[in-house]
Amino acid sequence: MDKFVELTAVSKHFDTKKGRFQALADVNLSIARGEFVALIGHSGCGKSTVLNLIAGLLDANEGGLICNGREIDGPGPERAVVFQNHSLLPWMTCFGNVHLAVERVFGEHENKEQLKARTEQALNMVGLAHAMHKHPNEISGGMKQRVGIAR
């Protein structure tokens, strides 16, 4: 199988008030297209840091991150994250929450109508077209997670 995600000698540290905290050191990981992988470890061992690096939400201090043959240098349409907490903005509708992410990823290359259609398509894919104008406090917990997936 071909490699879809590849981390090579990845290190990540955070500078804190108490000094530098080394979250990851020299991590190597290959994930083939279609492969399912579980990251298992104790609290604070770097699982979320690895996921945030792959998602493009963090930058590595050292090493290389490749997804689908391209360097990971930020969030991209070929990768998505479903957070434990749905992390929806409560003042925005379901449409608004998804549209915010769609604009971020596709805004430079698509016009407003294309972005609107892409947002509606994402909500339709998770079965929430009927709830696009509702706010997070008006939908169930499962529906909130599906908005997060659409985002």
N, C-alpha and C. Protein backbone atom coordinates (compact mmCIF):
# COMPACT_ATOMS: atom_id res chain seq x y z
N MET A 1 0.84 -1.20 0.00
CA MET A 1 0.00 0.00 0.00
C MET A 1 0.88 1.25 0.00
N ASP A 2 0.37 2.31 -0.62
CA ASP A 2 1.15 3.54 -0.65
C ASP A 2 0.99 4.32 0.65
N LYS A 3 2.01 5.09 0.98
CA LYS A 3 1.99 5.89 2.20
C LYS A 3 1.07 7.09 1.99
N PHE A 4 0.18 7.29 2.94
CA PHE A 4 -0.68 8.47 2.90
C PHE A 4 -0.16 9.54 3.84
N VAL A 5 0.24 9.12 5.04
CA VAL A 5 0.82 10.03 6.03
C VAL A 5 2.18 9.49 6.42
N GLU A 6 3.16 10.38 6.48
CA GLU A 6 4.49 9.96 6.91
C GLU A 6 5.13 11.04 7.77
N LEU A 7 5.53 10.64 8.97
CA LEU A 7 6.29 11.51 9.87
C LEU A 7 7.70 10.95 9.93
N THR A 8 8.69 11.83 9.74
CA THR A 8 10.09 11.41 9.73
C THR A 8 10.88 12.27 10.71
N ALA A 9 11.39 11.64 11.77
CA ALA A 9 12.23 12.31 12.77
C ALA A 9 11.58 13.59 13.29
N VAL A 10 10.29 13.53 13.60
CA VAL A 10 9.54 14.70 14.04
C VAL A 10 9.75 14.96 15.53
N SER A 11 10.06 16.20 15.84
CA SER A 11 10.19 16.64 17.23
C SER A 11 9.34 17.89 17.42
N LYS A 12 8.78 18.02 18.61
CA LYS A 12 7.97 19.19 18.95
C LYS A 12 8.21 19.55 20.40
N HIS A 13 8.54 20.81 20.63
CA HIS A 13 8.67 21.29 22.01
C HIS A 13 7.80 22.53 22.18
N PHE A 14 7.48 22.81 23.43
CA PHE A 14 6.72 23.99 23.79
C PHE A 14 7.53 24.77 24.82
N ASP A 15 7.62 26.07 24.64
CA ASP A 15 8.29 26.91 25.62
C ASP A 15 7.27 27.35 26.66
N THR A 16 7.55 27.06 27.92
CA THR A 16 6.64 27.39 29.02
C THR A 16 7.35 28.30 30.00
N LYS A 17 6.63 28.77 31.00
CA LYS A 17 7.24 29.60 32.04
C LYS A 17 8.32 28.86 32.79
N LYS A 18 8.18 27.54 32.87
CA LYS A 18 9.16 26.72 33.58
C LYS A 18 10.29 26.25 32.68
N GLY A 19 10.27 26.68 31.43
CA GLY A 19 11.30 26.26 30.49
C GLY A 19 10.72 25.45 29.34
N ARG A 20 11.59 24.84 28.59
CA ARG A 20 11.18 24.08 27.41
C ARG A 20 10.62 22.71 27.81
N PHE A 21 9.46 22.37 27.23
CA PHE A 21 8.86 21.06 27.44
C PHE A 21 8.93 20.29 26.12
N GLN A 22 9.64 19.19 26.13
CA GLN A 22 9.79 18.36 24.93
C GLN A 22 8.61 17.41 24.85
N ALA A 23 7.68 17.67 23.95
CA ALA A 23 6.48 16.84 23.82
C ALA A 23 6.74 15.61 22.98
N LEU A 24 7.53 15.75 21.93
CA LEU A 24 7.87 14.65 21.03
C LEU A 24 9.33 14.74 20.64
N ALA A 25 9.98 13.61 20.49
CA ALA A 25 11.37 13.59 20.05
C ALA A 25 11.58 12.45 19.06
N ASP A 26 12.00 12.81 17.86
CA ASP A 26 12.40 11.84 16.84
C ASP A 26 11.32 10.78 16.56
N VAL A 27 10.09 11.24 16.30
CA VAL A 27 8.97 10.33 16.02
C VAL A 27 8.94 9.99 14.53
N ASN A 28 8.81 8.70 14.25
CA ASN A 28 8.68 8.20 12.88
C ASN A 28 7.39 7.39 12.80
N LEU A 29 6.59 7.66 11.76
CA LEU A 29 5.31 6.97 11.61
C LEU A 29 4.92 6.98 10.14
N SER A 30 4.49 5.84 9.64
CA SER A 30 3.95 5.74 8.28
C SER A 30 2.55 5.14 8.36
N ILE A 31 1.62 5.77 7.68
CA ILE A 31 0.24 5.28 7.63
C ILE A 31 -0.14 5.13 6.16
N ALA A 32 -0.54 3.94 5.77
CA ALA A 32 -0.94 3.67 4.39
C ALA A 32 -2.35 4.17 4.15
N ARG A 33 -2.65 4.48 2.91
CA ARG A 33 -4.01 4.90 2.53
C ARG A 33 -4.98 3.79 2.93
N GLY A 34 -6.05 4.14 3.64
CA GLY A 34 -7.06 3.18 4.06
C GLY A 34 -6.75 2.44 5.34
N GLU A 35 -5.57 2.65 5.89
CA GLU A 35 -5.17 1.96 7.12
C GLU A 35 -5.78 2.66 8.33
N PHE A 36 -6.19 1.88 9.34
CA PHE A 36 -6.68 2.42 10.60
C PHE A 36 -5.57 2.29 11.63
N VAL A 37 -5.32 3.37 12.36
CA VAL A 37 -4.24 3.41 13.35
C VAL A 37 -4.80 3.97 14.64
N ALA A 38 -4.40 3.37 15.76
CA ALA A 38 -4.76 3.88 17.09
C ALA A 38 -3.49 4.33 17.79
N LEU A 39 -3.51 5.52 18.35
CA LEU A 39 -2.41 5.99 19.18
C LEU A 39 -2.79 5.75 20.62
N ILE A 40 -2.02 4.93 21.30
CA ILE A 40 -2.32 4.55 22.67
C ILE A 40 -1.15 4.93 23.56
N GLY A 41 -1.46 5.53 24.70
CA GLY A 41 -0.41 5.89 25.64
C GLY A 41 -1.00 6.62 26.82
N HIS A 42 -0.16 6.83 27.82
CA HIS A 42 -0.63 7.50 29.03
C HIS A 42 -0.87 8.99 28.77
N SER A 43 -1.58 9.61 29.68
CA SER A 43 -1.88 11.03 29.58
C SER A 43 -0.57 11.83 29.51
N GLY A 44 -0.50 12.73 28.55
CA GLY A 44 0.66 13.59 28.44
C GLY A 44 1.82 13.02 27.63
N CYS A 45 1.61 11.88 26.96
CA CYS A 45 2.73 11.26 26.22
C CYS A 45 2.90 11.81 24.81
N GLY A 46 1.96 12.64 24.32
CA GLY A 46 2.12 13.26 23.01
C GLY A 46 1.15 12.81 21.94
N LYS A 47 0.14 12.01 22.30
CA LYS A 47 -0.83 11.52 21.31
C LYS A 47 -1.53 12.69 20.61
N SER A 48 -2.06 13.61 21.38
CA SER A 48 -2.77 14.75 20.78
C SER A 48 -1.82 15.64 19.99
N THR A 49 -0.59 15.75 20.43
CA THR A 49 0.40 16.55 19.70
C THR A 49 0.64 15.95 18.32
N VAL A 50 0.78 14.63 18.24
CA VAL A 50 0.95 13.96 16.94
C VAL A 50 -0.26 14.25 16.05
N LEU A 51 -1.46 14.11 16.60
CA LEU A 51 -2.67 14.35 15.80
C LEU A 51 -2.77 15.80 15.34
N ASN A 52 -2.41 16.74 16.22
CA ASN A 52 -2.45 18.15 15.85
C ASN A 52 -1.41 18.48 14.78
N LEU A 53 -0.26 17.82 14.81
CA LEU A 53 0.75 18.01 13.76
C LEU A 53 0.23 17.48 12.42
N ILE A 54 -0.34 16.29 12.44
CA ILE A 54 -0.88 15.70 11.20
C ILE A 54 -2.02 16.56 10.65
N ALA A 55 -2.85 17.09 11.54
CA ALA A 55 -3.96 17.94 11.12
C ALA A 55 -3.49 19.29 10.58
N GLY A 56 -2.25 19.65 10.88
CA GLY A 56 -1.73 20.94 10.44
C GLY A 56 -2.06 22.07 11.40
N LEU A 57 -2.48 21.72 12.61
CA LEU A 57 -2.82 22.73 13.62
C LEU A 57 -1.59 23.19 14.39
N LEU A 58 -0.53 22.40 14.35
CA LEU A 58 0.76 22.74 14.97
C LEU A 58 1.85 22.53 13.93
N ASP A 59 2.97 23.23 14.12
CA ASP A 59 4.16 23.02 13.30
C ASP A 59 5.19 22.26 14.10
N ALA A 60 5.87 21.32 13.46
CA ALA A 60 6.96 20.59 14.11
C ALA A 60 8.18 21.51 14.24
N ASN A 61 8.96 21.31 15.28
CA ASN A 61 10.21 22.05 15.42
C ASN A 61 11.31 21.42 14.57
N GLU A 62 11.22 20.12 14.38
CA GLU A 62 12.18 19.39 13.54
C GLU A 62 11.47 18.25 12.85
N GLY A 63 12.03 17.81 11.74
CA GLY A 63 11.52 16.64 11.04
C GLY A 63 10.57 17.00 9.92
N GLY A 64 10.05 15.97 9.27
CA GLY A 64 9.18 16.17 8.13
C GLY A 64 7.84 15.50 8.30
N LEU A 65 6.80 16.16 7.82
CA LEU A 65 5.44 15.63 7.83
C LEU A 65 4.89 15.70 6.41
N ILE A 66 4.50 14.56 5.88
CA ILE A 66 3.99 14.47 4.51
C ILE A 66 2.61 13.83 4.55
N CYS A 67 1.69 14.38 3.77
CA CYS A 67 0.37 13.78 3.59
C CYS A 67 0.04 13.79 2.11
N ASN A 68 -0.27 12.63 1.60
CA ASN A 68 -0.66 12.50 0.19
C ASN A 68 0.41 13.08 -0.74
N GLY A 69 1.68 12.89 -0.36
CA GLY A 69 2.79 13.34 -1.19
C GLY A 69 3.17 14.79 -1.05
N ARG A 70 2.49 15.54 -0.15
CA ARG A 70 2.80 16.96 0.02
C ARG A 70 3.14 17.25 1.47
N GLU A 71 4.02 18.23 1.66
CA GLU A 71 4.39 18.63 3.01
C GLU A 71 3.18 19.21 3.73
N ILE A 72 3.02 18.84 4.99
CA ILE A 72 1.95 19.40 5.81
C ILE A 72 2.42 20.75 6.34
N ASP A 73 1.76 21.83 5.92
CA ASP A 73 2.13 23.16 6.39
C ASP A 73 0.92 23.94 6.88
N GLY A 74 -0.14 23.22 7.21
CA GLY A 74 -1.36 23.82 7.72
C GLY A 74 -2.52 22.86 7.47
N PRO A 75 -3.73 23.23 7.90
CA PRO A 75 -4.89 22.38 7.65
C PRO A 75 -5.13 22.21 6.15
N GLY A 76 -5.68 21.08 5.76
CA GLY A 76 -5.95 20.82 4.35
C GLY A 76 -7.18 19.97 4.17
N PRO A 77 -7.75 19.98 2.97
CA PRO A 77 -9.01 19.26 2.72
C PRO A 77 -8.86 17.74 2.76
N GLU A 78 -7.64 17.22 2.67
CA GLU A 78 -7.44 15.77 2.69
C GLU A 78 -7.33 15.22 4.10
N ARG A 79 -7.37 16.10 5.11
CA ARG A 79 -7.26 15.69 6.51
C ARG A 79 -8.34 16.39 7.31
N ALA A 80 -8.87 15.70 8.32
CA ALA A 80 -9.88 16.30 9.18
C ALA A 80 -9.70 15.81 10.60
N VAL A 81 -10.19 16.58 11.54
CA VAL A 81 -10.11 16.23 12.95
C VAL A 81 -11.51 16.29 13.54
N VAL A 82 -11.87 15.26 14.29
CA VAL A 82 -13.09 15.28 15.08
C VAL A 82 -12.64 15.40 16.52
N PHE A 83 -12.88 16.55 17.12
CA PHE A 83 -12.42 16.82 18.47
C PHE A 83 -13.31 16.11 19.49
N GLN A 84 -12.75 15.79 20.66
CA GLN A 84 -13.55 15.18 21.73
C GLN A 84 -14.69 16.10 22.11
N ASN A 85 -14.38 17.37 22.24
CA ASN A 85 -15.38 18.40 22.47
C ASN A 85 -15.71 18.97 21.09
N HIS A 86 -16.95 19.11 20.76
CA HIS A 86 -17.34 19.52 19.41
C HIS A 86 -16.77 20.87 19.00
N SER A 87 -16.41 21.73 19.94
CA SER A 87 -15.74 23.01 19.67
C SER A 87 -16.50 23.90 18.69
N LEU A 88 -17.81 23.86 18.72
CA LEU A 88 -18.59 24.73 17.84
C LEU A 88 -18.69 26.12 18.45
N LEU A 89 -18.77 27.12 17.60
CA LEU A 89 -18.96 28.49 18.07
C LEU A 89 -20.45 28.68 18.33
N PRO A 90 -20.85 28.92 19.59
CA PRO A 90 -22.27 28.91 19.95
C PRO A 90 -23.10 30.02 19.32
N TRP A 91 -22.50 31.12 18.91
CA TRP A 91 -23.24 32.22 18.32
C TRP A 91 -23.46 32.04 16.82
N MET A 92 -22.85 31.00 16.25
CA MET A 92 -23.01 30.74 14.82
C MET A 92 -23.94 29.55 14.60
N THR A 93 -24.63 29.56 13.48
CA THR A 93 -25.48 28.43 13.11
C THR A 93 -24.60 27.25 12.70
N CYS A 94 -25.24 26.11 12.48
CA CYS A 94 -24.51 24.95 11.96
C CYS A 94 -23.85 25.32 10.64
N PHE A 95 -24.59 26.00 9.77
CA PHE A 95 -24.03 26.45 8.50
C PHE A 95 -22.81 27.34 8.73
N GLY A 96 -22.94 28.30 9.63
CA GLY A 96 -21.84 29.22 9.90
C GLY A 96 -20.60 28.53 10.42
N ASN A 97 -20.78 27.56 11.30
CA ASN A 97 -19.64 26.82 11.85
C ASN A 97 -18.90 26.06 10.75
N VAL A 98 -19.64 25.41 9.86
CA VAL A 98 -19.01 24.66 8.77
C VAL A 98 -18.42 25.62 7.74
N HIS A 99 -19.15 26.68 7.44
CA HIS A 99 -18.70 27.64 6.42
C HIS A 99 -17.38 28.30 6.82
N LEU A 100 -17.19 28.53 8.09
CA LEU A 100 -15.94 29.12 8.58
C LEU A 100 -14.74 28.27 8.16
N ALA A 101 -14.85 26.97 8.33
CA ALA A 101 -13.77 26.06 7.94
C ALA A 101 -13.64 25.96 6.42
N VAL A 102 -14.77 25.91 5.73
CA VAL A 102 -14.75 25.82 4.26
C VAL A 102 -14.05 27.05 3.68
N GLU A 103 -14.36 28.23 4.20
CA GLU A 103 -13.71 29.46 3.74
C GLU A 103 -12.20 29.41 3.98
N ARG A 104 -11.81 28.91 5.13
CA ARG A 104 -10.39 28.84 5.49
C ARG A 104 -9.62 27.95 4.51
N VAL A 105 -10.20 26.83 4.14
CA VAL A 105 -9.50 25.86 3.29
C VAL A 105 -9.62 26.20 1.80
N PHE A 106 -10.81 26.64 1.36
CA PHE A 106 -11.06 26.81 -0.08
C PHE A 106 -11.26 28.27 -0.51
N GLY A 107 -11.22 29.20 0.44
CA GLY A 107 -11.55 30.60 0.16
C GLY A 107 -10.71 31.29 -0.89
N GLU A 108 -9.47 30.92 -1.02
CA GLU A 108 -8.60 31.57 -2.01
C GLU A 108 -8.91 31.15 -3.44
N HIS A 109 -9.54 30.00 -3.60
CA HIS A 109 -9.70 29.44 -4.94
C HIS A 109 -11.14 29.32 -5.41
N GLU A 110 -12.10 29.60 -4.54
CA GLU A 110 -13.50 29.45 -4.92
C GLU A 110 -14.28 30.72 -4.59
N ASN A 111 -15.34 30.98 -5.37
CA ASN A 111 -16.16 32.16 -5.13
C ASN A 111 -17.20 31.87 -4.04
N LYS A 112 -17.97 32.89 -3.68
CA LYS A 112 -18.93 32.76 -2.58
C LYS A 112 -19.98 31.67 -2.84
N GLU A 113 -20.46 31.58 -4.06
CA GLU A 113 -21.47 30.56 -4.38
C GLU A 113 -20.90 29.16 -4.26
N GLN A 114 -19.65 28.98 -4.70
CA GLN A 114 -19.01 27.66 -4.59
C GLN A 114 -18.80 27.29 -3.13
N LEU A 115 -18.40 28.28 -2.31
CA LEU A 115 -18.19 28.04 -0.88
C LEU A 115 -19.51 27.68 -0.20
N LYS A 116 -20.57 28.39 -0.58
CA LYS A 116 -21.90 28.10 -0.01
C LYS A 116 -22.33 26.69 -0.40
N ALA A 117 -22.15 26.32 -1.65
CA ALA A 117 -22.54 24.99 -2.12
C ALA A 117 -21.71 23.91 -1.42
N ARG A 118 -20.43 24.16 -1.23
CA ARG A 118 -19.56 23.19 -0.56
C ARG A 118 -20.00 23.02 0.90
N THR A 119 -20.37 24.11 1.56
CA THR A 119 -20.84 24.06 2.94
C THR A 119 -22.13 23.25 3.04
N GLU A 120 -23.07 23.54 2.15
CA GLU A 120 -24.34 22.81 2.14
C GLU A 120 -24.12 21.33 1.85
N GLN A 121 -23.20 21.01 0.94
CA GLN A 121 -22.89 19.62 0.61
C GLN A 121 -22.33 18.90 1.84
N ALA A 122 -21.45 19.56 2.58
CA ALA A 122 -20.86 18.95 3.78
C ALA A 122 -21.94 18.65 4.82
N LEU A 123 -22.86 19.59 5.03
CA LEU A 123 -23.95 19.37 5.98
C LEU A 123 -24.88 18.26 5.49
N ASN A 124 -25.12 18.21 4.21
CA ASN A 124 -25.97 17.15 3.64
C ASN A 124 -25.32 15.78 3.82
N MET A 125 -24.00 15.71 3.65
CA MET A 125 -23.29 14.43 3.78
C MET A 125 -23.42 13.83 5.18
N VAL A 126 -23.57 14.68 6.20
CA VAL A 126 -23.72 14.18 7.57
C VAL A 126 -25.18 14.19 8.02
N GLY A 127 -26.09 14.40 7.07
CA GLY A 127 -27.52 14.33 7.37
C GLY A 127 -28.07 15.50 8.15
N LEU A 128 -27.48 16.69 7.97
CA LEU A 128 -27.92 17.85 8.75
C LEU A 128 -28.36 19.03 7.89
N ALA A 129 -28.72 18.78 6.65
CA ALA A 129 -29.19 19.88 5.80
C ALA A 129 -30.41 20.56 6.43
N HIS A 130 -31.25 19.77 7.08
CA HIS A 130 -32.47 20.32 7.71
C HIS A 130 -32.16 21.20 8.93
N ALA A 131 -30.96 21.09 9.47
CA ALA A 131 -30.62 21.83 10.70
C ALA A 131 -29.61 22.94 10.46
N MET A 132 -29.36 23.28 9.20
CA MET A 132 -28.27 24.22 8.91
C MET A 132 -28.47 25.60 9.54
N HIS A 133 -29.71 26.00 9.80
CA HIS A 133 -29.96 27.32 10.36
C HIS A 133 -30.13 27.31 11.88
N LYS A 134 -29.92 26.15 12.48
CA LYS A 134 -30.02 26.04 13.94
C LYS A 134 -28.67 26.35 14.59
N HIS A 135 -28.73 26.80 15.83
CA HIS A 135 -27.53 27.05 16.63
C HIS A 135 -27.20 25.80 17.44
N PRO A 136 -25.95 25.67 17.89
CA PRO A 136 -25.55 24.48 18.64
C PRO A 136 -26.44 24.14 19.83
N ASN A 137 -26.97 25.16 20.52
CA ASN A 137 -27.82 24.87 21.68
C ASN A 137 -29.19 24.34 21.29
N GLU A 138 -29.49 24.29 19.99
CA GLU A 138 -30.78 23.81 19.51
C GLU A 138 -30.70 22.39 18.93
N ILE A 139 -29.53 21.77 19.00
CA ILE A 139 -29.37 20.43 18.42
C ILE A 139 -28.78 19.48 19.47
N SER A 140 -28.91 18.19 19.21
CA SER A 140 -28.42 17.17 20.15
C SER A 140 -26.90 17.07 20.13
N GLY A 141 -26.37 16.36 21.11
CA GLY A 141 -24.92 16.14 21.19
C GLY A 141 -24.39 15.41 19.97
N GLY A 142 -25.12 14.40 19.51
CA GLY A 142 -24.70 13.66 18.32
C GLY A 142 -24.71 14.53 17.07
N MET A 143 -25.70 15.41 16.99
CA MET A 143 -25.76 16.33 15.85
C MET A 143 -24.60 17.31 15.90
N LYS A 144 -24.22 17.75 17.10
CA LYS A 144 -23.07 18.66 17.24
C LYS A 144 -21.80 17.98 16.73
N GLN A 145 -21.63 16.70 17.06
CA GLN A 145 -20.46 15.97 16.58
C GLN A 145 -20.48 15.88 15.06
N ARG A 146 -21.65 15.69 14.47
CA ARG A 146 -21.74 15.61 13.00
C ARG A 146 -21.43 16.96 12.35
N VAL A 147 -21.82 18.07 13.01
CA VAL A 147 -21.42 19.39 12.50
C VAL A 147 -19.89 19.48 12.52
N GLY A 148 -19.29 18.99 13.61
CA GLY A 148 -17.83 18.98 13.70
C GLY A 148 -17.19 18.16 12.59
N ILE A 149 -17.80 17.04 12.24
CA ILE A 149 -17.28 16.20 11.14
C ILE A 149 -17.43 16.94 9.82
N ALA A 150 -18.56 17.59 9.61
CA ALA A 150 -18.77 18.36 8.37
C ALA A 150 -17.77 19.50 8.26
N ARG A 151 -17.44 20.07 9.39
CA ARG A 151 -16.48 21.17 9.41
C ARG A 151 -15.11 20.68 8.99
